[in-house]
Protein backbone atom coordinates (compact mmCIF):
# COMPACT_ATOMS: atom_id res chain seq x y z
CA MET A 1 -20.49 12.53 8.69
CA PHE A 2 -17.24 11.89 8.97
CA ILE A 3 -18.09 7.97 7.43
CA THR A 4 -20.45 10.29 5.37
CA THR A 5 -17.14 12.19 3.43
CA ILE A 6 -15.00 9.34 3.36
CA ILE A 7 -17.37 7.54 0.89
CA LEU A 8 -17.67 10.69 -0.92
CA ILE A 9 -13.80 10.71 -1.46
CA MET A 10 -14.10 6.54 -2.25
CA ALA A 11 -16.64 7.53 -5.35
CA SER A 12 -15.44 10.43 -6.81
CA GLY A 13 -11.67 8.56 -6.31
CA ILE A 14 -14.05 5.42 -8.91
CA LEU A 15 -15.77 7.72 -10.40
CA ILE A 16 -12.25 9.51 -11.43
CA GLY A 17 -10.31 6.82 -12.14
CA TYR A 18 -13.58 5.02 -14.11
CA ARG A 19 -13.35 7.95 -16.37
CA LEU A 20 -9.46 8.53 -16.80
CA ARG A 21 -8.78 4.37 -16.90
CA ASN A 22 -6.80 4.34 -20.44
CA ARG A 23 -5.29 8.22 -19.69
CA ILE A 24 -3.39 7.68 -16.38
CA THR A 25 -2.35 4.22 -15.76
CA TRP A 26 1.25 5.62 -16.37
CA ASN A 27 2.16 6.51 -12.90
CA ILE A 28 -0.70 5.95 -11.12
CA GLY A 29 1.45 3.23 -9.03
CA ARG A 30 4.66 5.89 -8.32
CA ILE A 31 2.34 8.75 -7.78
CA THR A 32 -0.08 6.05 -5.16
CA THR A 33 3.75 4.78 -3.56
CA GLY A 34 4.41 8.27 -2.89
CA PHE A 35 1.28 9.59 -1.04
CA ILE A 36 1.78 5.94 1.69
CA TRP A 37 4.92 6.92 2.04
CA LEU A 38 3.70 10.57 3.10
CA LEU A 39 0.98 9.35 5.09
CA LEU A 40 3.49 6.60 6.79
CA PHE A 41 5.37 10.42 7.38
CA LEU A 42 2.62 11.49 9.20
CA LEU A 43 1.30 9.17 10.89
CA GLY A 44 4.91 9.09 13.00
CA LEU A 45 4.71 12.94 13.24
CA GLU A 46 1.74 12.60 15.28
CA VAL A 47 2.86 9.33 17.02
CA GLY A 48 5.74 11.31 18.59
CA GLY A 49 4.16 13.91 19.35
CA ASN A 50 2.23 12.27 21.23
CA PRO A 51 2.73 12.16 24.85
CA THR A 52 0.48 9.35 25.98
CA LEU A 53 1.58 6.75 23.25
CA ILE A 54 5.40 7.61 24.08
CA LYS A 55 4.72 6.66 27.27
CA GLY A 56 3.45 3.83 25.97
CA ILE A 57 5.02 2.44 23.79
CA TYR A 58 6.33 -0.81 25.39
CA ARG A 59 2.78 -1.48 26.23
CA PHE A 60 1.46 -0.83 22.54
CA GLY A 61 3.77 -2.40 20.59
CA GLY A 62 4.15 -5.59 23.12
CA GLU A 63 -0.06 -5.97 22.21
CA ALA A 64 0.97 -5.13 18.39
CA PHE A 65 3.41 -8.34 18.66
CA LEU A 66 1.04 -10.23 20.33
CA LEU A 67 -1.41 -9.09 17.79
CA MET A 68 0.59 -10.69 14.81
CA LEU A 69 1.98 -13.57 16.46
CA ALA A 70 -1.96 -15.30 16.60
CA GLY A 71 -2.07 -13.24 13.28
CA VAL A 72 1.17 -15.67 11.55
CA THR A 73 0.02 -18.44 13.61
CA GLY A 74 -4.16 -18.52 12.83
CA SER A 75 -3.09 -17.90 9.66
CA ILE A 76 -0.39 -20.95 8.98
CA ILE A 77 -3.37 -23.42 11.16
CA ALA A 78 -5.48 -22.30 8.21
CA SER A 79 -3.42 -22.94 5.32
CA TRP A 80 -2.28 -26.57 6.79
CA THR A 81 -5.28 -28.16 7.34
CA LEU A 82 -7.14 -26.24 3.79
CA TRP A 83 -3.52 -27.87 1.86
CA HIS A 84 -3.92 -31.20 4.07
CA TYR A 85 -8.08 -30.77 3.22
CA ILE A 86 -7.11 -30.65 -0.73
CA SER A 87 -4.20 -32.96 -1.21
CA LYS A 88 -6.21 -35.58 0.68
CA SER A 89 -9.00 -34.72 -2.06
CA ASN A 90 -6.38 -34.61 -4.89
CA LYS A 91 -5.30 -38.61 -3.90
CA LYS A 92 -9.07 -39.62 -3.44
CA ASP A 93 -9.97 -38.38 -6.88
CA LYS A 94 -6.85 -40.36 -8.44
CA ASN A 95 -7.50 -43.41 -6.80
CA GLU A 96 -11.01 -43.78 -8.23
CA ARG A 97 -9.94 -42.58 -11.69
């Protein structure tokens, strides 16, 4: 039921956005940014009001830091590998001409 509600809300937003695409673009960025700030504030209230999360914040923060570090490291390795492959391919193409 929860997933269905989310899908219906997103689908209705897409439909309304499609129908009003030429009329509402003037300020939609500011409105979206405002709602994101509001959601972050409400998330902070929810986390701050949960004693279990507050007691384990160091553990959760450590796990989040490790996930971030692994994600950044993986992205750097993948980017470097792709760059190396592309530059090698470009050198090969130039030598064939």
